[in-house]
Amino acid sequence: MMDTLFKILKDLMPLQIAALIVIVVYFLKVFKDISTVFVNLAKQQAEYMKQRVDSVGKTAGIFERTVTHQERDLKRL
C-alpha cells in the first residue's frame, strides 16, 4: 500500500513542480504589471507637477510685468 502511495506521489511530483513554476511565473507577471501601472502613474504625476510649476512660473512672469508697467506708469504721473 505504501509503495503504491509513494509511486503515485513520485509520479505526481513533476506535475507539482511544473504547477509551482507556472504559479511563480504568473505572480511575477502580475507583479510586473502592477509595477508598470505604478511607474506610469508616477510619470503622469511628475508631468502634472511639471505643468503646474510651468504654469506658476508663467503667472509669476505676468504679475512681474504688470507690476513693472504699473511702476513705470506711476513714475510718469
Protein backbone atom coordinates (compact mmCIF):
# COMPACT_ATOMS: atom_id res chain seq x y z
CA MET A 1 0.00 0.00 0.00
CA MET A 2 2.72 2.47 0.99
CA ASP A 3 4.77 1.55 -2.04
CA THR A 4 1.82 2.35 -4.26
CA LEU A 5 1.30 5.67 -2.50
CA PHE A 6 4.98 6.57 -2.90
CA LYS A 7 4.84 5.62 -6.57
CA ILE A 8 1.79 7.84 -7.09
CA LEU A 9 3.47 10.72 -5.25
CA LYS A 10 6.64 10.19 -7.27
CA ASP A 11 4.62 10.33 -10.49
CA LEU A 12 2.80 13.47 -9.34
CA MET A 13 5.91 15.31 -8.15
CA PRO A 14 6.93 16.63 -11.61
CA LEU A 15 3.39 17.95 -12.06
CA GLN A 16 3.60 19.76 -8.73
CA ILE A 17 6.93 21.29 -9.67
CA ALA A 18 5.56 22.34 -13.04
CA ALA A 19 2.49 23.83 -11.35
CA LEU A 20 4.69 25.66 -8.88
CA ILE A 21 6.77 27.09 -11.73
CA VAL A 22 3.62 28.22 -13.53
CA ILE A 23 2.33 29.87 -10.36
CA VAL A 24 5.65 31.66 -9.75
CA VAL A 25 5.77 32.87 -13.36
CA TYR A 26 2.16 34.08 -13.08
CA PHE A 27 2.90 36.03 -9.89
CA LEU A 28 6.00 37.55 -11.49
CA LYS A 29 3.87 38.70 -14.43
CA VAL A 30 1.25 40.14 -12.09
CA PHE A 31 3.96 41.92 -10.10
CA LYS A 32 5.46 43.32 -13.32
CA ASP A 33 2.05 44.55 -14.48
CA ILE A 34 1.36 46.20 -11.14
CA SER A 35 4.77 47.85 -11.05
CA THR A 36 4.24 49.12 -14.62
CA VAL A 37 0.96 50.70 -13.54
CA PHE A 38 2.69 52.41 -10.60
CA VAL A 39 5.55 53.63 -12.80
CA ASN A 40 3.08 55.08 -15.32
CA LEU A 41 1.14 56.71 -12.51
CA ALA A 42 4.33 58.26 -11.13
CA LYS A 43 5.26 59.55 -14.60
CA GLN A 44 1.82 61.10 -15.02
CA GLN A 45 2.05 62.73 -11.60
CA ALA A 46 5.52 64.09 -12.39
CA GLU A 47 4.28 65.51 -15.70
CA TYR A 48 1.30 67.11 -13.96
CA MET A 49 3.56 68.70 -11.35
CA LYS A 50 5.91 69.96 -14.09
CA GLN A 51 2.96 71.56 -15.85
CA ARG A 52 1.84 73.16 -12.59
CA VAL A 53 5.32 74.58 -11.96
CA ASP A 54 5.48 75.92 -15.52
CA SER A 55 2.04 77.47 -15.08
CA VAL A 56 3.03 79.14 -11.81
CA GLY A 57 6.23 80.40 -13.45
CA LYS A 58 4.29 81.94 -16.33
CA THR A 59 1.80 83.51 -13.94
CA ALA A 60 4.63 84.97 -11.85
CA GLY A 61 6.14 86.43 -15.03
CA ILE A 62 2.83 88.05 -15.94
CA PHE A 63 2.48 89.57 -12.47
CA GLU A 64 6.06 90.81 -12.58
CA ARG A 65 5.50 92.52 -15.93
CA THR A 66 2.23 94.02 -14.68
CA VAL A 67 3.92 95.44 -11.59
CA THR A 68 6.78 96.80 -13.69
CA HIS A 69 4.35 98.53 -16.06
CA GLN A 70 2.36 99.96 -13.14
CA GLU A 71 5.55 101.27 -11.54
CA ARG A 72 6.52 102.97 -14.81
CA ASP A 73 3.05 104.48 -15.14
CA LEU A 74 3.24 105.77 -11.57
CA LYS A 75 6.64 107.33 -12.21
CA ARG A 76 5.25 109.12 -15.28
CA LEU A 77 2.41 110.56 -13.27
